[in-house]
Amino acid sequence: MKKLLNETIIYGIGAILPRIIIFILNPLYIHFINKEEFAQFTNLYALISFVNIILTFGFETAYFRFSSEPENKDKTFNTSFWFLAATSAVFLIGCLLFSEPLAASMGYGKNPEFIRWFAWIAFFDTLCVIPFAWLRYHNKPIKYSMIRVLQSLVQTVAVVALFIYIPARYSQEMGLTEKVSFPFYSNLVGSFVGVLMLLPVIFKVKFEFARTLFSRMIKYSWPIMLAGFAFMVNENFDKAIQYYYIDEGDAGAYGGCYKLAVLMTLFVTAYRMGIEPFFFKQMQNANAKITYAKVTEYFTFFASIVAMGIIANISWLKVLFIPNKSYWTAIDIIPIIVIANLFFGIYYNLSTWYKVTDRTRIGTVISWSGALLTILLNFLFLKDFGFMVSAWATLAAYFLLMVLSYFLGQKNYPIPYRIKKISFCLLLLGVFSFVSYNIFDSNFWVGNMLFVLFAFIVVYSEKDFILNKIKK
């Protein structure tokens, strides 16, 4: 547990700090980009997230799974890299050849360069997937985090320079005719730099492609890819279709406010980076189930405190990170999205059972249950009731995933979770959040009093565990 905590903290730097750096840029984007153009920004990044899932094909998780077999450790690394390199190269060539018709069909006929840039970004990012996974598997969190952070810093320097320091005539000569293109172009630069920094790992790849192993990996990974695609539906389907279904200004406001809820996503992401290889390394231990239960429980307790802290401080966070008040029309989505991301984090823990038992197809069914709910709710109600439908659909989908994963997991791979304690924590969070945000209108003082009280109750409920760790 101590090693997990240490690695999670270091991976957290690599996962969270880059996102925090990009998150801090959000006020810059909102200041220079109007809501209508920001809708384009949100829409295109939502679409590229689906492309990334298809191109990576679940091979990151497959790499962790099959690298645990000593005889296939190197074969897994080589085979995985060449497969992803080939698929991403085919995608890149197709987008470069057909960028104009693709742009026209997507409503970006005036900016086919957006399609070309995103194709290159997807290509570079896919090349980095297995090298990054190699660093994680070989317990090199410092190198992993250093590359992630430097990559984001390069992207940040590029976008700040474009917005503030580089004269407009020079950026236009580079083909950047609109300010919304600056984040796209800087992302391309950052992705390319990531490949350069990972070259020492990439050079370890041998010209080897194990067909039998590849066949096993494909059978294992394609359900994960479908599950990942379903996750992206839950995460980004709303932002992908709002551009076409509701007012562009409302879609832009939703995308801008959604980024404030990223504070919760950052915490969950950092946790995931450290926990995935840890879960697989524990799978052969006699006490694996007890470990899984404890990790899930303490994640829930601590993540709930983080969620309550964000919700209690929306009143000043929105001023700091969303300086353009015209975006505040969508501010009510933040508590909903924060709790939704908490549910996703819990679901991620509960999903361990089907990964360590190689029942990833069941995981795909679970994931698509939430995705179909997201699609259905948005298609039925988005036009008539606006962006709040998307927020509630996200919450409902993640709650469904969490519940389904728990009950199916207990049937197929029972883990002794203290489910009553977890449920009480989540119910208490819901009540305190409602009182803070809705009844007291996000009052700073009341919200933080409730936050302190909530944290005290959660910590006190685990006082025996905490005191035991302090004594050690």
Protein backbone atom coordinates (compact mmCIF):
# COMPACT_ATOMS: atom_id res chain seq x y z
CA MET A 1 0.00 0.00 0.00
CA LYS A 2 2.87 2.37 0.83
CA LYS A 3 4.54 1.72 -2.51
CA LEU A 4 1.21 2.24 -4.28
CA LEU A 5 0.77 5.58 -2.53
CA ASN A 6 4.29 6.72 -3.44
CA GLU A 7 3.91 5.72 -7.09
CA THR A 8 0.44 7.24 -7.28
CA ILE A 9 1.82 10.56 -6.02
CA ILE A 10 4.61 10.55 -8.62
CA TYR A 11 2.28 9.42 -11.40
CA GLY A 12 -0.10 12.07 -10.15
CA ILE A 13 2.53 14.68 -10.94
CA GLY A 14 2.80 13.31 -14.46
CA ALA A 15 -0.94 12.99 -14.93
CA ILE A 16 -2.23 15.97 -12.97
CA LEU A 17 0.42 18.67 -13.41
CA PRO A 18 0.18 18.72 -17.23
CA ARG A 19 -3.59 18.91 -16.98
CA ILE A 20 -3.38 21.59 -14.33
CA ILE A 21 -1.10 23.58 -16.61
CA ILE A 22 -3.58 23.22 -19.47
CA PHE A 23 -6.46 23.86 -17.05
CA ILE A 24 -4.86 27.13 -15.94
CA LEU A 25 -4.88 28.19 -19.59
CA ASN A 26 -8.67 27.94 -19.66
CA PRO A 27 -9.14 31.59 -18.58
CA LEU A 28 -6.81 32.60 -21.42
CA TYR A 29 -8.88 30.66 -23.95
CA ILE A 30 -12.14 32.06 -22.59
CA HIS A 31 -10.75 35.60 -22.67
CA PHE A 32 -9.62 35.46 -26.31
CA ILE A 33 -12.14 32.99 -27.78
CA ASN A 34 -15.85 33.76 -27.88
CA LYS A 35 -18.46 31.15 -26.93
CA GLU A 36 -19.28 30.28 -30.53
CA GLU A 37 -15.65 29.53 -31.43
CA PHE A 38 -15.15 27.73 -28.12
CA ALA A 39 -17.93 25.38 -29.21
CA GLN A 40 -15.68 24.39 -32.16
CA PHE A 41 -12.79 23.84 -29.76
CA THR A 42 -14.91 21.61 -27.52
CA ASN A 43 -16.49 19.74 -30.42
CA LEU A 44 -13.23 18.85 -32.17
CA TYR A 45 -11.50 17.68 -29.00
CA ALA A 46 -14.52 15.53 -28.20
CA LEU A 47 -14.36 13.94 -31.65
CA ILE A 48 -10.62 13.27 -31.48
CA SER A 49 -11.09 11.44 -28.18
CA PHE A 50 -13.16 8.83 -30.02
CA VAL A 51 -10.45 8.48 -32.66
CA ASN A 52 -7.79 7.90 -30.01
CA ILE A 53 -9.80 5.07 -28.47
CA ILE A 54 -10.11 3.31 -31.82
CA LEU A 55 -6.45 3.75 -32.73
CA THR A 56 -5.10 2.47 -29.39
CA PHE A 57 -7.51 -0.51 -29.48
CA GLY A 58 -7.21 -1.22 -25.76
CA PHE A 59 -3.58 -2.26 -26.18
CA GLU A 60 -2.33 -0.28 -23.20
CA THR A 61 -4.27 -2.53 -20.81
CA ALA A 62 -3.40 -5.58 -22.94
CA TYR A 63 0.26 -4.65 -22.63
CA PHE A 64 0.02 -4.70 -18.82
CA ARG A 65 -1.90 -7.98 -18.88
CA PHE A 66 0.43 -9.98 -21.14
CA SER A 67 3.67 -8.46 -19.89
CA SER A 68 2.89 -10.22 -16.62
CA GLU A 69 3.76 -13.48 -18.44
CA PRO A 70 7.57 -13.70 -18.17
CA GLU A 71 8.01 -15.54 -21.48
CA ASN A 72 6.04 -12.85 -23.36
CA LYS A 73 7.38 -9.71 -21.68
CA ASP A 74 9.50 -8.48 -24.62
CA LYS A 75 7.23 -9.91 -27.29
CA THR A 76 4.29 -7.99 -25.87
CA PHE A 77 6.21 -4.72 -26.01
CA ASN A 78 7.36 -5.17 -29.61
CA THR A 79 4.09 -6.53 -30.97
CA SER A 80 2.00 -3.85 -29.30
CA PHE A 81 4.13 -1.00 -30.58
CA TRP A 82 4.19 -2.13 -34.22
CA PHE A 83 0.46 -2.77 -34.28
CA LEU A 84 -0.38 0.71 -33.01
CA ALA A 85 2.23 2.33 -35.24
CA ALA A 86 0.68 0.67 -38.30
CA THR A 87 -2.94 1.54 -37.49
CA SER A 88 -2.12 5.17 -36.66
CA ALA A 89 -0.07 5.54 -39.87
CA VAL A 90 -3.00 4.30 -41.98
CA PHE A 91 -5.30 6.76 -40.22
CA LEU A 92 -2.87 9.65 -40.77
CA ILE A 93 -2.47 8.97 -44.48
CA GLY A 94 -6.24 8.70 -44.95
CA CYS A 95 -6.90 12.02 -43.22
CA LEU A 96 -4.17 13.82 -45.14
CA LEU A 97 -5.51 12.55 -48.47
CA PHE A 98 -9.17 13.32 -47.72
CA SER A 99 -8.93 16.28 -45.32
CA GLU A 100 -11.11 18.62 -47.41
CA PRO A 101 -14.14 16.31 -47.89
CA LEU A 102 -13.88 15.22 -44.26
CA ALA A 103 -13.83 18.84 -43.09
CA ALA A 104 -16.81 19.72 -45.27
CA SER A 105 -18.87 16.79 -43.97
CA MET A 106 -18.14 17.78 -40.36
CA GLY A 107 -19.06 21.44 -40.80
CA TYR A 108 -15.47 22.74 -40.95
CA GLY A 109 -15.21 23.30 -44.69
CA LYS A 110 -13.41 26.62 -44.17
CA ASN A 111 -10.74 25.01 -42.00
CA PRO A 112 -9.56 21.68 -43.48
CA GLU A 113 -6.25 22.30 -41.73
CA PHE A 114 -8.00 21.40 -38.46
CA ILE A 115 -8.47 17.85 -39.75
CA ARG A 116 -4.84 17.56 -40.83
CA TRP A 117 -3.56 18.87 -37.48
CA PHE A 118 -5.74 16.49 -35.51
CA ALA A 119 -4.63 13.57 -37.67
CA TRP A 120 -1.00 14.34 -36.82
CA ILE A 121 -1.87 14.76 -33.13
CA ALA A 122 -3.62 11.37 -33.08
CA PHE A 123 -0.66 9.77 -34.87
CA PHE A 124 1.96 11.13 -32.47
CA ASP A 125 -0.15 10.39 -29.38
CA THR A 126 -0.73 6.79 -30.49
CA LEU A 127 3.00 6.25 -31.05
CA CYS A 128 3.54 7.28 -27.41
CA VAL A 129 1.00 4.91 -25.84
CA ILE A 130 3.17 1.78 -25.50
CA PRO A 131 6.40 3.64 -24.60
CA PHE A 132 4.50 5.42 -21.81
CA ALA A 133 3.03 2.08 -20.71
CA TRP A 134 6.55 0.59 -20.72
CA LEU A 135 7.69 3.30 -18.29
CA ARG A 136 4.74 2.62 -16.01
CA TYR A 137 5.20 -1.15 -16.08
CA HIS A 138 8.91 -0.91 -15.31
CA ASN A 139 8.25 1.35 -12.32
CA LYS A 140 9.78 4.49 -13.79
CA PRO A 141 7.25 7.06 -12.59
CA ILE A 142 9.80 9.88 -12.44
CA LYS A 143 10.74 9.55 -16.12
CA TYR A 144 7.09 9.15 -17.02
CA SER A 145 6.09 12.28 -15.13
CA MET A 146 9.04 14.32 -16.38
CA ILE A 147 8.15 13.66 -20.01
CA ARG A 148 4.46 14.38 -19.44
CA VAL A 149 5.23 17.65 -17.67
CA LEU A 150 7.80 18.85 -20.22
CA GLN A 151 5.42 17.97 -23.02
CA SER A 152 2.68 20.12 -21.50
CA LEU A 153 5.09 22.98 -20.80
CA VAL A 154 6.12 23.08 -24.44
CA GLN A 155 2.46 23.14 -25.45
CA THR A 156 1.77 25.91 -22.94
CA VAL A 157 4.68 28.08 -24.08
CA ALA A 158 3.55 27.68 -27.68
CA VAL A 159 -0.07 28.66 -27.05
CA VAL A 160 0.80 31.60 -24.77
CA ALA A 161 3.25 32.87 -27.39
CA LEU A 162 0.59 32.64 -30.10
CA PHE A 163 -2.04 34.44 -28.04
CA ILE A 164 0.13 37.16 -26.53
CA TYR A 165 3.60 37.56 -28.03
CA ILE A 166 3.62 36.53 -31.70
CA PRO A 167 2.19 39.28 -33.96
CA ALA A 168 -0.98 38.32 -35.81
CA ARG A 169 0.65 38.69 -39.23
CA TYR A 170 3.21 35.99 -38.38
CA SER A 171 0.66 33.54 -37.06
CA GLN A 172 -1.46 34.09 -40.16
CA GLU A 173 1.54 33.33 -42.33
CA MET A 174 1.76 30.02 -40.46
CA GLY A 175 -1.83 29.29 -41.52
CA LEU A 176 -3.35 30.18 -38.14
CA THR A 177 -6.08 32.51 -39.37
CA GLU A 178 -8.37 32.19 -36.31
CA LYS A 179 -7.51 32.36 -32.61
CA VAL A 180 -9.35 29.11 -31.94
CA SER A 181 -6.64 27.42 -34.01
CA PHE A 182 -3.89 28.39 -31.54
CA PRO A 183 -4.66 25.63 -28.98
CA PHE A 184 -4.88 23.06 -31.78
CA TYR A 185 -1.52 23.98 -33.26
CA SER A 186 0.23 24.12 -29.87
CA ASN A 187 -1.19 20.66 -29.08
CA LEU A 188 0.42 19.39 -32.28
CA VAL A 189 3.78 20.81 -31.21
CA GLY A 190 3.46 19.23 -27.75
CA SER A 191 2.55 15.82 -29.17
CA PHE A 192 5.55 15.87 -31.50
CA VAL A 193 7.88 16.80 -28.63
CA GLY A 194 6.48 13.87 -26.65
CA VAL A 195 7.59 11.46 -29.38
CA LEU A 196 11.07 13.00 -29.40
CA MET A 197 11.46 12.60 -25.63
CA LEU A 198 10.31 8.97 -25.79
CA LEU A 199 12.80 8.01 -28.49
CA PRO A 200 15.10 6.23 -25.97
CA VAL A 201 12.21 3.87 -25.17
CA ILE A 202 11.08 3.60 -28.80
CA PHE A 203 14.61 2.57 -29.81
CA LYS A 204 14.23 -0.44 -27.51
CA VAL A 205 11.57 -1.82 -29.87
CA LYS A 206 12.77 -4.77 -31.96
CA PHE A 207 11.46 -5.81 -35.36
CA GLU A 208 9.34 -8.57 -33.89
CA PHE A 209 5.67 -9.38 -34.32
CA ALA A 210 4.42 -12.45 -32.46
CA ARG A 211 1.32 -13.57 -34.33
CA THR A 212 0.07 -16.06 -31.76
CA LEU A 213 0.50 -13.55 -28.95
CA PHE A 214 -1.09 -10.84 -31.08
CA SER A 215 -4.14 -13.06 -31.59
CA ARG A 216 -4.49 -13.46 -27.82
CA MET A 217 -3.99 -9.73 -27.26
CA ILE A 218 -6.64 -8.82 -29.83
CA LYS A 219 -9.16 -11.16 -28.22
CA TYR A 220 -8.39 -9.56 -24.86
CA SER A 221 -8.22 -5.95 -26.01
CA TRP A 222 -11.09 -5.46 -28.43
CA PRO A 223 -13.71 -5.60 -25.65
CA ILE A 224 -11.59 -3.06 -23.74
CA MET A 225 -11.52 -0.87 -26.84
CA LEU A 226 -15.30 -1.08 -27.11
CA ALA A 227 -15.55 -0.35 -23.38
CA GLY A 228 -13.19 2.60 -23.81
CA PHE A 229 -15.28 3.86 -26.71
CA ALA A 230 -18.35 3.56 -24.50
CA PHE A 231 -16.54 5.56 -21.81
CA MET A 232 -15.82 8.29 -24.34
CA VAL A 233 -19.49 8.30 -25.26
CA ASN A 234 -20.28 8.96 -21.60
CA GLU A 235 -17.52 11.56 -21.33
CA ASN A 236 -17.66 13.38 -24.66
CA PHE A 237 -20.80 12.47 -26.61
CA ASP A 238 -22.59 15.51 -25.19
CA LYS A 239 -19.82 17.90 -26.31
CA ALA A 240 -19.61 16.21 -29.71
CA ILE A 241 -23.31 16.66 -30.58
CA GLN A 242 -24.17 19.90 -28.79
CA TYR A 243 -22.40 21.81 -31.57
CA TYR A 244 -25.04 20.48 -33.96
CA TYR A 245 -28.09 20.32 -31.66
CA ILE A 246 -28.22 23.47 -29.54
CA ASP A 247 -27.17 27.09 -29.79
CA GLU A 248 -23.39 27.37 -30.38
CA GLY A 249 -23.08 29.89 -27.54
CA ASP A 250 -24.75 27.47 -25.10
CA ALA A 251 -22.53 24.64 -26.34
CA GLY A 252 -19.46 26.82 -25.82
CA ALA A 253 -20.58 27.82 -22.30
CA TYR A 254 -21.14 24.15 -21.42
CA GLY A 255 -17.64 23.26 -22.66
CA GLY A 256 -16.06 26.13 -20.74
CA CYS A 257 -17.80 25.32 -17.45
CA TYR A 258 -17.23 21.59 -17.90
CA LYS A 259 -13.50 22.28 -17.70
CA LEU A 260 -13.89 23.53 -14.13
CA ALA A 261 -15.16 20.09 -13.19
CA VAL A 262 -11.87 18.77 -14.57
CA LEU A 263 -10.45 19.38 -11.08
CA MET A 264 -12.19 16.16 -10.03
CA THR A 265 -11.16 14.39 -13.22
CA LEU A 266 -7.53 15.23 -12.48
CA PHE A 267 -7.68 13.46 -9.14
CA VAL A 268 -9.30 10.35 -10.64
CA THR A 269 -6.79 10.30 -13.52
CA ALA A 270 -3.77 10.45 -11.21
CA TYR A 271 -5.20 7.57 -9.21
CA ARG A 272 -5.82 5.48 -12.33
CA MET A 273 -2.24 5.89 -13.52
CA GLY A 274 -0.84 4.28 -10.40
CA ILE A 275 -3.56 1.74 -9.72
CA GLU A 276 -3.87 -0.15 -13.03
CA PRO A 277 -0.46 -1.86 -13.03
CA PHE A 278 -0.79 -2.35 -9.26
CA PHE A 279 -4.05 -4.28 -9.64
CA PHE A 280 -2.54 -6.66 -12.18
CA LYS A 281 0.56 -7.26 -10.07
CA GLN A 282 -1.68 -8.15 -7.10
CA MET A 283 -3.88 -10.60 -8.99
CA GLN A 284 -1.87 -13.70 -8.01
CA ASN A 285 -1.65 -12.83 -4.31
CA ALA A 286 -3.75 -14.77 -1.82
CA ASN A 287 -5.06 -11.55 -0.25
CA ALA A 288 -5.74 -9.79 -3.55
CA LYS A 289 -9.46 -9.42 -2.92
CA ILE A 290 -8.93 -7.84 0.48
CA THR A 291 -6.44 -5.41 -1.07
CA TYR A 292 -8.88 -4.50 -3.84
CA ALA A 293 -11.59 -3.84 -1.27
CA LYS A 294 -9.43 -1.61 0.89
CA VAL A 295 -8.12 0.40 -2.04
CA THR A 296 -11.65 0.99 -3.35
CA GLU A 297 -12.98 2.03 0.03
CA TYR A 298 -10.23 4.52 0.80
CA PHE A 299 -10.41 5.95 -2.69
CA THR A 300 -14.14 6.55 -2.18
CA PHE A 301 -13.67 8.27 1.16
CA PHE A 302 -10.83 10.53 0.06
CA ALA A 303 -12.31 11.31 -3.39
CA SER A 304 -15.62 12.26 -1.77
CA ILE A 305 -13.79 14.83 0.35
CA VAL A 306 -12.15 16.24 -2.78
CA ALA A 307 -15.54 16.42 -4.54
CA MET A 308 -17.14 18.23 -1.60
CA GLY A 309 -14.22 20.68 -1.50
CA ILE A 310 -14.72 21.60 -5.16
CA ILE A 311 -18.49 22.00 -4.85
CA ALA A 312 -18.13 24.14 -1.70
CA ASN A 313 -15.83 26.59 -3.52
CA ILE A 314 -17.54 27.05 -6.87
CA SER A 315 -18.36 30.67 -5.99
CA TRP A 316 -14.72 31.80 -6.29
CA LEU A 317 -13.40 29.08 -8.60
CA LYS A 318 -15.71 30.28 -11.37
CA VAL A 319 -14.41 33.85 -11.03
CA LEU A 320 -10.82 32.66 -11.21
CA PHE A 321 -11.08 30.12 -14.01
CA ILE A 322 -14.09 31.35 -16.00
CA PRO A 323 -13.50 35.12 -16.14
CA ASN A 324 -15.99 35.71 -18.96
CA LYS A 325 -19.38 35.90 -17.21
CA SER A 326 -21.22 35.04 -20.41
CA TYR A 327 -20.05 31.46 -19.84
CA TRP A 328 -21.71 31.30 -16.42
CA THR A 329 -25.04 30.35 -17.96
CA ALA A 330 -23.82 26.75 -17.68
CA ILE A 331 -22.31 26.96 -14.18
CA ASP A 332 -25.02 24.70 -12.68
CA ILE A 333 -23.53 21.66 -14.44
CA ILE A 334 -20.39 21.68 -12.24
CA PRO A 335 -21.70 19.92 -9.07
CA ILE A 336 -23.38 17.30 -11.24
CA ILE A 337 -20.26 16.59 -13.32
CA VAL A 338 -18.03 16.53 -10.23
CA ILE A 339 -20.13 13.82 -8.57
CA ALA A 340 -20.42 11.98 -11.89
CA ASN A 341 -16.62 11.79 -12.09
CA LEU A 342 -16.52 10.48 -8.52
CA PHE A 343 -18.90 7.70 -9.57
CA PHE A 344 -16.61 6.93 -12.49
CA GLY A 345 -13.60 6.63 -10.19
CA ILE A 346 -15.46 4.17 -7.99
CA TYR A 347 -16.61 2.25 -11.05
CA TYR A 348 -13.00 2.04 -12.22
CA ASN A 349 -12.11 0.30 -8.95
CA LEU A 350 -15.12 -1.99 -9.13
CA SER A 351 -14.23 -2.96 -12.72
CA THR A 352 -11.06 -4.73 -11.51
CA TRP A 353 -12.86 -8.06 -11.31
CA TYR A 354 -13.45 -8.48 -15.04
CA LYS A 355 -9.93 -7.33 -15.96
CA VAL A 356 -8.05 -9.72 -13.68
CA THR A 357 -10.35 -12.62 -14.63
CA ASP A 358 -10.05 -11.92 -18.40
CA ARG A 359 -13.81 -11.32 -18.68
CA THR A 360 -13.44 -8.05 -20.53
CA ARG A 361 -16.47 -8.78 -22.69
CA ILE A 362 -18.67 -8.37 -19.63
CA GLY A 363 -16.93 -5.05 -19.01
CA THR A 364 -17.86 -4.00 -22.52
CA VAL A 365 -21.53 -4.81 -21.89
CA ILE A 366 -21.46 -2.79 -18.67
CA SER A 367 -19.79 0.18 -20.35
CA TRP A 368 -22.19 0.22 -23.26
CA SER A 369 -25.16 0.14 -20.90
CA GLY A 370 -24.05 3.55 -19.66
CA ALA A 371 -23.19 4.75 -23.16
CA LEU A 372 -26.59 3.83 -24.56
CA LEU A 373 -28.24 5.66 -21.67
CA THR A 374 -26.14 8.74 -22.46
CA ILE A 375 -27.03 8.61 -26.17
CA LEU A 376 -30.71 8.03 -25.49
CA LEU A 377 -31.12 10.85 -22.97
CA ASN A 378 -29.25 13.36 -25.13
CA PHE A 379 -31.11 12.49 -28.32
CA LEU A 380 -34.50 12.56 -26.62
CA PHE A 381 -34.19 15.69 -24.49
CA LEU A 382 -31.19 17.82 -25.51
CA LYS A 383 -32.96 19.94 -28.12
CA ASP A 384 -35.94 20.66 -25.89
CA PHE A 385 -34.30 21.14 -22.49
CA GLY A 386 -30.75 22.26 -23.27
CA PHE A 387 -27.33 21.40 -21.88
CA MET A 388 -28.50 20.46 -18.36
CA VAL A 389 -29.78 17.23 -19.92
CA SER A 390 -26.19 16.34 -20.87
CA ALA A 391 -24.94 16.85 -17.32
CA TRP A 392 -27.67 14.71 -15.75
CA ALA A 393 -27.19 12.06 -18.44
CA THR A 394 -23.48 11.84 -17.53
CA LEU A 395 -24.34 11.42 -13.85
CA ALA A 396 -26.97 8.78 -14.57
CA ALA A 397 -24.63 6.84 -16.86
CA TYR A 398 -21.75 6.67 -14.38
CA PHE A 399 -24.10 5.73 -11.56
CA LEU A 400 -25.44 2.89 -13.70
CA LEU A 401 -21.91 1.69 -14.49
CA MET A 402 -20.98 1.73 -10.81
CA VAL A 403 -24.04 -0.25 -9.72
CA LEU A 404 -23.86 -2.82 -12.54
CA SER A 405 -20.16 -3.43 -12.01
CA TYR A 406 -20.67 -3.98 -8.29
CA PHE A 407 -23.50 -6.50 -8.56
CA LEU A 408 -22.02 -8.44 -11.49
CA GLY A 409 -18.63 -8.44 -9.80
CA GLN A 410 -20.04 -9.83 -6.56
CA LYS A 411 -21.65 -12.61 -8.55
CA ASN A 412 -18.56 -13.59 -10.56
CA TYR A 413 -15.61 -12.49 -8.38
CA PRO A 414 -16.81 -11.60 -4.85
CA ILE A 415 -14.77 -8.87 -3.13
CA PRO A 416 -15.52 -7.97 0.51
CA TYR A 417 -16.35 -4.28 0.10
CA ARG A 418 -17.86 -2.46 3.07
CA ILE A 419 -20.71 -1.39 0.85
CA LYS A 420 -22.83 0.16 3.64
CA LYS A 421 -20.02 2.50 4.61
CA ILE A 422 -19.36 3.46 0.98
CA SER A 423 -23.07 4.08 0.36
CA PHE A 424 -23.36 6.23 3.50
CA CYS A 425 -20.40 8.35 2.37
CA LEU A 426 -21.94 8.93 -1.09
CA LEU A 427 -25.38 9.70 0.33
CA LEU A 428 -23.88 12.19 2.79
CA LEU A 429 -21.97 13.84 -0.05
CA GLY A 430 -25.17 14.20 -2.06
CA VAL A 431 -27.05 15.80 0.83
CA PHE A 432 -24.23 18.20 1.77
CA SER A 433 -23.70 19.19 -1.86
CA PHE A 434 -27.39 19.92 -2.38
CA VAL A 435 -27.58 22.02 0.78
CA SER A 436 -24.41 23.95 -0.09
CA TYR A 437 -25.15 24.66 -3.75
CA ASN A 438 -28.93 24.76 -4.04
CA ILE A 439 -30.25 25.86 -0.66
CA PHE A 440 -27.45 28.30 0.25
CA ASP A 441 -26.73 29.30 -3.36
CA SER A 442 -23.05 28.26 -3.24
CA ASN A 443 -22.30 30.56 -0.31
CA PHE A 444 -18.55 30.41 0.39
CA TRP A 445 -18.77 30.34 4.20
CA VAL A 446 -21.65 27.90 4.50
CA GLY A 447 -20.18 25.68 1.80
CA ASN A 448 -16.81 25.41 3.51
CA MET A 449 -18.38 24.84 6.93
CA LEU A 450 -20.22 21.90 5.40
CA PHE A 451 -17.01 20.78 3.70
CA VAL A 452 -15.09 20.74 7.00
CA LEU A 453 -17.95 18.91 8.72
CA PHE A 454 -18.15 16.35 5.90
CA ALA A 455 -14.37 15.77 5.98
CA PHE A 456 -14.47 15.35 9.77
CA ILE A 457 -17.26 12.75 9.59
CA VAL A 458 -15.46 10.74 6.89
CA VAL A 459 -12.07 10.87 8.60
CA TYR A 460 -13.55 10.08 12.02
CA SER A 461 -15.29 7.02 10.59
CA GLU A 462 -11.82 5.69 9.65
CA LYS A 463 -10.03 6.85 12.80
CA ASP A 464 -8.85 3.35 13.73
CA PHE A 465 -7.11 2.87 10.39
CA ILE A 466 -5.55 6.37 10.49
CA LEU A 467 -4.30 6.01 14.07
CA ASN A 468 -2.81 2.62 13.22
CA LYS A 469 -0.87 4.14 10.30
CA ILE A 470 0.32 7.04 12.46
CA LYS A 471 1.65 4.64 15.11
CA LYS A 472 3.55 2.74 12.43
